[in-house]
C-alpha atoms as a PDB file:
ATOM      1  CA  UNK A   1      78.399  -2.990  -6.530  1.00  0.00           C
ATOM      2  CA  UNK A   2      76.768  -3.007 -10.320  1.00  0.00           C
ATOM      3  CA  UNK A   3      77.430  -6.604 -10.594  1.00  0.00           C
ATOM      4  CA  UNK A   4      75.730  -7.406  -7.437  1.00  0.00           C
ATOM      5  CA  UNK A   5      72.613  -5.683  -8.597  1.00  0.00           C
ATOM      6  CA  UNK A   6      72.493  -7.322 -11.789  1.00  0.00           C
ATOM      7  CA  UNK A   7      73.048 -10.658  -9.884  1.00  0.00           C
ATOM      8  CA  UNK A   8      70.534  -9.925  -7.883  1.00  0.00           C
ATOM      9  CA  UNK A   9      67.784  -8.711 -10.668  1.00  0.00           C
ATOM     10  CA  UNK A  10      68.769 -12.371 -12.771  1.00  0.00           C
ATOM     11  CA  UNK A  11      68.028 -14.464  -9.898  1.00  0.00           C
ATOM     12  CA  UNK A  12      65.119 -12.656  -8.901  1.00  0.00           C
ATOM     13  CA  UNK A  13      63.657 -12.615 -12.346  1.00  0.00           C
ATOM     14  CA  UNK A  14      64.796 -16.516 -12.780  1.00  0.00           C
ATOM     15  CA  UNK A  15      63.015 -17.228  -9.489  1.00  0.00           C
ATOM     16  CA  UNK A  16      59.577 -15.874 -10.487  1.00  0.00           C
ATOM     17  CA  UNK A  17      59.665 -18.201 -13.951  1.00  0.00           C
ATOM     18  CA  UNK A  18      56.799 -20.782 -12.584  1.00  0.00           C
ATOM     19  CA  UNK A  19      56.803 -24.283 -13.736  1.00  0.00           C
ATOM     20  CA  UNK A  20      53.700 -24.982 -15.834  1.00  0.00           C
ATOM     21  CA  UNK A  21      52.741 -28.832 -16.124  1.00  0.00           C
ATOM     22  CA  UNK A  22      49.374 -28.179 -17.428  1.00  0.00           C
ATOM     23  CA  UNK A  23      47.811 -27.881 -21.044  1.00  0.00           C
ATOM     24  CA  UNK A  24      45.689 -25.153 -22.243  1.00  0.00           C
ATOM     25  CA  UNK A  25      42.641 -27.444 -21.795  1.00  0.00           C
ATOM     26  CA  UNK A  26      43.595 -27.709 -17.931  1.00  0.00           C
ATOM     27  CA  UNK A  27      43.714 -23.574 -17.786  1.00  0.00           C
ATOM     28  CA  UNK A  28      40.359 -23.476 -19.223  1.00  0.00           C
ATOM     29  CA  UNK A  29      38.744 -26.187 -16.497  1.00  0.00           C
ATOM     30  CA  UNK A  30      40.194 -24.153 -13.818  1.00  0.00           C
ATOM     31  CA  UNK A  31      38.884 -20.651 -15.178  1.00  0.00           C
ATOM     32  CA  UNK A  32      35.854 -22.363 -16.193  1.00  0.00           C
ATOM     33  CA  UNK A  33      35.696 -23.681 -12.472  1.00  0.00           C
ATOM     34  CA  UNK A  34      36.261 -20.540 -10.868  1.00  0.00           C
ATOM     35  CA  UNK A  35      33.842 -18.495 -12.822  1.00  0.00           C
ATOM     36  CA  UNK A  36      30.974 -21.530 -11.429  1.00  0.00           C
ATOM     37  CA  UNK A  37      32.084 -20.552  -8.353  1.00  0.00           C
ATOM     38  CA  UNK A  38      32.130 -17.317  -8.164  1.00  0.00           C
ATOM     39  CA  UNK A  39      28.400 -17.417  -9.881  1.00  0.00           C
ATOM     40  CA  UNK A  40      27.374 -19.460  -7.123  1.00  0.00           C
ATOM     41  CA  UNK A  41      28.708 -17.012  -4.626  1.00  0.00           C
ATOM     42  CA  UNK A  42      26.796 -14.007  -5.870  1.00  0.00           C
ATOM     43  CA  UNK A  43      23.474 -15.830  -6.885  1.00  0.00           C
ATOM     44  CA  UNK A  44      20.940 -14.498  -4.609  1.00  0.00           C
ATOM     45  CA  UNK A  45      23.043 -11.218  -3.817  1.00  0.00           C
ATOM     46  CA  UNK A  46      21.066  -9.268  -6.029  1.00  0.00           C
ATOM     47  CA  UNK A  47      17.132  -9.367  -6.289  1.00  0.00           C
ATOM     48  CA  UNK A  48      16.177 -10.753  -9.746  1.00  0.00           C
ATOM     49  CA  UNK A  49      14.575  -7.818 -11.927  1.00  0.00           C
ATOM     50  CA  UNK A  50      10.766  -7.907 -10.151  1.00  0.00           C
ATOM     51  CA  UNK A  51       8.227  -7.404 -13.187  1.00  0.00           C
ATOM     52  CA  UNK A  52       5.586  -6.234 -11.518  1.00  0.00           C
ATOM     53  CA  UNK A  53       7.666  -3.908 -10.000  1.00  0.00           C
ATOM     54  CA  UNK A  54       9.509  -2.983 -12.949  1.00  0.00           C
ATOM     55  CA  UNK A  55       5.589  -2.184 -13.938  1.00  0.00           C
ATOM     56  CA  UNK A  56       4.674  -0.214 -11.535  1.00  0.00           C
ATOM     57  CA  UNK A  57       7.663   2.187 -12.408  1.00  0.00           C
ATOM     58  CA  UNK A  58       6.859   2.213 -16.316  1.00  0.00           C
ATOM     59  CA  UNK A  59       3.221   2.988 -14.767  1.00  0.00           C
ATOM     60  CA  UNK A  60       4.516   6.016 -12.584  1.00  0.00           C
ATOM     61  CA  UNK A  61       6.685   7.387 -15.674  1.00  0.00           C
ATOM     62  CA  UNK A  62       4.041   7.023 -18.026  1.00  0.00           C
ATOM     63  CA  UNK A  63       1.470   9.671 -15.971  1.00  0.00           C
ATOM     64  CA  UNK A  64       4.994  11.895 -15.468  1.00  0.00           C
ATOM     65  CA  UNK A  65       5.804  11.818 -19.091  1.00  0.00           C
ATOM     66  CA  UNK A  66       1.568  13.019 -19.828  1.00  0.00           C
ATOM     67  CA  UNK A  67       2.103  15.868 -17.338  1.00  0.00           C
ATOM     68  CA  UNK A  68       5.665  16.813 -18.182  1.00  0.00           C
ATOM     69  CA  UNK A  69       4.542  16.916 -21.982  1.00  0.00           C
ATOM     70  CA  UNK A  70       1.084  18.116 -21.331  1.00  0.00           C
ATOM     71  CA  UNK A  71       3.135  21.262 -19.585  1.00  0.00           C
ATOM     72  CA  UNK A  72       5.440  21.390 -22.828  1.00  0.00           C
ATOM     73  CA  UNK A  73       8.095  20.958 -19.999  1.00  0.00           C
ATOM     74  CA  UNK A  74       9.867  18.956 -23.093  1.00  0.00           C
ATOM     75  CA  UNK A  75      13.240  18.366 -21.337  1.00  0.00           C
ATOM     76  CA  UNK A  76      10.989  16.850 -18.400  1.00  0.00           C
ATOM     77  CA  UNK A  77       9.214  14.360 -20.796  1.00  0.00           C
ATOM     78  CA  UNK A  78      12.135  13.495 -22.745  1.00  0.00           C
ATOM     79  CA  UNK A  79      13.368  12.519 -19.294  1.00  0.00           C
ATOM     80  CA  UNK A  80      10.985  10.195 -18.632  1.00  0.00           C
ATOM     81  CA  UNK A  81      10.769   8.885 -21.909  1.00  0.00           C
ATOM     82  CA  UNK A  82      14.153   7.777 -21.534  1.00  0.00           C
ATOM     83  CA  UNK A  83      13.335   6.314 -17.950  1.00  0.00           C
ATOM     84  CA  UNK A  84      10.157   4.424 -20.062  1.00  0.00           C
ATOM     85  CA  UNK A  85      12.571   2.536 -22.391  1.00  0.00           C
ATOM     86  CA  UNK A  86      14.587   1.859 -20.010  1.00  0.00           C
ATOM     87  CA  UNK A  87      12.272   0.184 -18.022  1.00  0.00           C
ATOM     88  CA  UNK A  88      11.265  -2.342 -20.839  1.00  0.00           C
ATOM     89  CA  UNK A  89      14.827  -2.769 -22.066  1.00  0.00           C
ATOM     90  CA  UNK A  90      15.326  -4.320 -18.126  1.00  0.00           C
ATOM     91  CA  UNK A  91      11.845  -6.444 -18.774  1.00  0.00           C
ATOM     92  CA  UNK A  92      13.462  -7.233 -22.002  1.00  0.00           C
ATOM     93  CA  UNK A  93      17.204  -8.180 -20.920  1.00  0.00           C
ATOM     94  CA  UNK A  94      16.477  -9.745 -17.413  1.00  0.00           C
ATOM     95  CA  UNK A  95      12.688 -11.121 -17.331  1.00  0.00           C
ATOM     96  CA  UNK A  96      12.881 -12.820 -20.990  1.00  0.00           C
ATOM     97  CA  UNK A  97      11.452 -16.055 -19.127  1.00  0.00           C
ATOM     98  CA  UNK A  98       8.386 -14.126 -18.845  1.00  0.00           C
ATOM     99  CA  UNK A  99       5.489 -14.825 -21.376  1.00  0.00           C
ATOM    100  CA  UNK A 100       4.522 -11.661 -21.334  1.00  0.00           C
ATOM    101  CA  UNK A 101       7.995  -9.914 -22.183  1.00  0.00           C
ATOM    102  CA  UNK A 102       7.883 -10.997 -25.847  1.00  0.00           C
ATOM    103  CA  UNK A 103       4.812  -8.359 -26.129  1.00  0.00           C
ATOM    104  CA  UNK A 104       6.970  -5.698 -25.070  1.00  0.00           C
ATOM    105  CA  UNK A 105       8.027  -4.867 -28.844  1.00  0.00           C
ATOM    106  CA  UNK A 106       4.222  -3.541 -29.270  1.00  0.00           C
ATOM    107  CA  UNK A 107       4.854  -0.459 -27.556  1.00  0.00           C
ATOM    108  CA  UNK A 108       8.412   0.332 -29.787  1.00  0.00           C
ATOM    109  CA  UNK A 109       7.026   1.868 -32.551  1.00  0.00           C
ATOM    110  CA  UNK A 110       4.910   4.328 -30.265  1.00  0.00           C
ATOM    111  CA  UNK A 111       7.739   5.331 -27.866  1.00  0.00           C
ATOM    112  CA  UNK A 112       9.620   6.477 -30.649  1.00  0.00           C
ATOM    113  CA  UNK A 113       6.323   8.256 -32.027  1.00  0.00           C
ATOM    114  CA  UNK A 114       6.641   9.939 -28.452  1.00  0.00           C
ATOM    115  CA  UNK A 115      10.199  10.951 -28.560  1.00  0.00           C
ATOM    116  CA  UNK A 116       9.724  12.576 -32.159  1.00  0.00           C
ATOM    117  CA  UNK A 117       6.835  14.833 -31.158  1.00  0.00           C
ATOM    118  CA  UNK A 118       9.330  15.427 -27.737  1.00  0.00           C
ATOM    119  CA  UNK A 119      11.984  16.389 -30.279  1.00  0.00           C
ATOM    120  CA  UNK A 120       9.795  18.553 -32.604  1.00  0.00           C
ATOM    121  CA  UNK A 121       7.896  20.081 -29.460  1.00  0.00           C
ATOM    122  CA  UNK A 122       4.843  19.411 -30.760  1.00  0.00           C
ATOM    123  CA  UNK A 123       2.089  19.008 -28.563  1.00  0.00           C
ATOM    124  CA  UNK A 124      -0.443  17.913 -30.912  1.00  0.00           C
ATOM    125  CA  UNK A 125       1.338  14.963 -31.910  1.00  0.00           C
ATOM    126  CA  UNK A 126       2.551  14.248 -28.570  1.00  0.00           C
ATOM    127  CA  UNK A 127      -1.166  13.656 -27.131  1.00  0.00           C
ATOM    128  CA  UNK A 128      -2.272  11.826 -29.772  1.00  0.00           C
ATOM    129  CA  UNK A 129       0.825   9.417 -29.780  1.00  0.00           C
ATOM    130  CA  UNK A 130       0.754   8.912 -26.104  1.00  0.00           C
ATOM    131  CA  UNK A 131      -3.118   7.988 -26.647  1.00  0.00           C
ATOM    132  CA  UNK A 132      -2.183   5.492 -28.770  1.00  0.00           C
ATOM    133  CA  UNK A 133       0.549   4.275 -26.659  1.00  0.00           C
ATOM    134  CA  UNK A 134      -1.531   3.818 -23.998  1.00  0.00           C
ATOM    135  CA  UNK A 135      -4.318   2.145 -25.746  1.00  0.00           C
ATOM    136  CA  UNK A 136      -1.334  -0.226 -26.756  1.00  0.00           C
ATOM    137  CA  UNK A 137      -0.199  -0.795 -23.152  1.00  0.00           C
ATOM    138  CA  UNK A 138      -4.151  -2.619 -22.766  1.00  0.00           C
ATOM    139  CA  UNK A 139      -3.715  -4.400 -25.527  1.00  0.00           C
ATOM    140  CA  UNK A 140      -0.605  -5.714 -24.602  1.00  0.00           C
ATOM    141  CA  UNK A 141      -2.246  -6.551 -21.247  1.00  0.00           C
ATOM    142  CA  UNK A 142      -4.756  -8.315 -22.784  1.00  0.00           C
ATOM    143  CA  UNK A 143      -2.784 -10.564 -24.990  1.00  0.00           C
ATOM    144  CA  UNK A 144      -0.192 -11.258 -22.025  1.00  0.00           C
ATOM    145  CA  UNK A 145      -3.118 -12.830 -20.259  1.00  0.00           C
ATOM    146  CA  UNK A 146      -4.105 -10.058 -17.362  1.00  0.00           C
ATOM    147  CA  UNK A 147      -7.100  -8.082 -19.522  1.00  0.00           C
ATOM    148  CA  UNK A 148      -7.800  -6.630 -15.785  1.00  0.00           C
ATOM    149  CA  UNK A 149      -5.299  -4.179 -16.460  1.00  0.00           C
ATOM    150  CA  UNK A 150      -6.596  -1.538 -18.646  1.00  0.00           C
ATOM    151  CA  UNK A 151      -4.528   1.515 -18.391  1.00  0.00           C
ATOM    152  CA  UNK A 152      -5.998   5.034 -19.719  1.00  0.00           C
ATOM    153  CA  UNK A 153      -4.374   8.367 -19.627  1.00  0.00           C
ATOM    154  CA  UNK A 154      -4.191  10.134 -16.510  1.00  0.00           C
ATOM    155  CA  UNK A 155      -6.729  12.445 -15.410  1.00  0.00           C
ATOM    156  CA  UNK A 156      -5.224  14.218 -12.208  1.00  0.00           C
ATOM    157  CA  UNK A 157      -1.688  14.564 -11.098  1.00  0.00           C
ATOM    158  CA  UNK A 158      -1.174  12.155  -8.112  1.00  0.00           C
ATOM    159  CA  UNK A 159       2.380  13.536  -7.756  1.00  0.00           C
ATOM    160  CA  UNK A 160       1.305  17.014  -5.991  1.00  0.00           C
ATOM    161  CA  UNK A 161       5.411  17.126  -5.129  1.00  0.00           C
ATOM    162  CA  UNK A 162       6.121  17.735  -8.146  1.00  0.00           C
ATOM    163  CA  UNK A 163       5.985  19.993 -10.547  1.00  0.00           C
ATOM    164  CA  UNK A 164       5.804  19.706 -13.994  1.00  0.00           C
ATOM    165  CA  UNK A 165       5.878  23.326 -15.377  1.00  0.00           C
ATOM    166  CA  UNK A 166       8.677  24.702 -17.232  1.00  0.00           C
END
């Protein structure tokens, strides 16, 4: 019985061995063709990151960041700060084809200043940094060919369904 079992294992292993009559180059070509095929199959299944839509999200986070910071709700301000950063990163990664994307780096020093103000829980630094960042948003729009888009510090909270207090 042991010999039969041993024979079956040897036979199974021997039959599993496949003959490969192609080179590594052939294998790479087949792999590349499979990858191209998969890319074509998924192309169009996921929407391209919308530049305008992402900017609307950034504008929303800009406003919410302001109200959270002014309420000294530093945890919430930190959340909206990071959301804003993430959306700029999305544009840089997925919309490098847009001329305006190269100007996004203008905003980064101001996002860093806001981040430090939030970490320090310093309302005065937050307010100054936020004003500076907001002016830079408008400057970026001007040099990107969109001078009609002027960003300002929010004056009224449009989000009446959310509290920003701690």
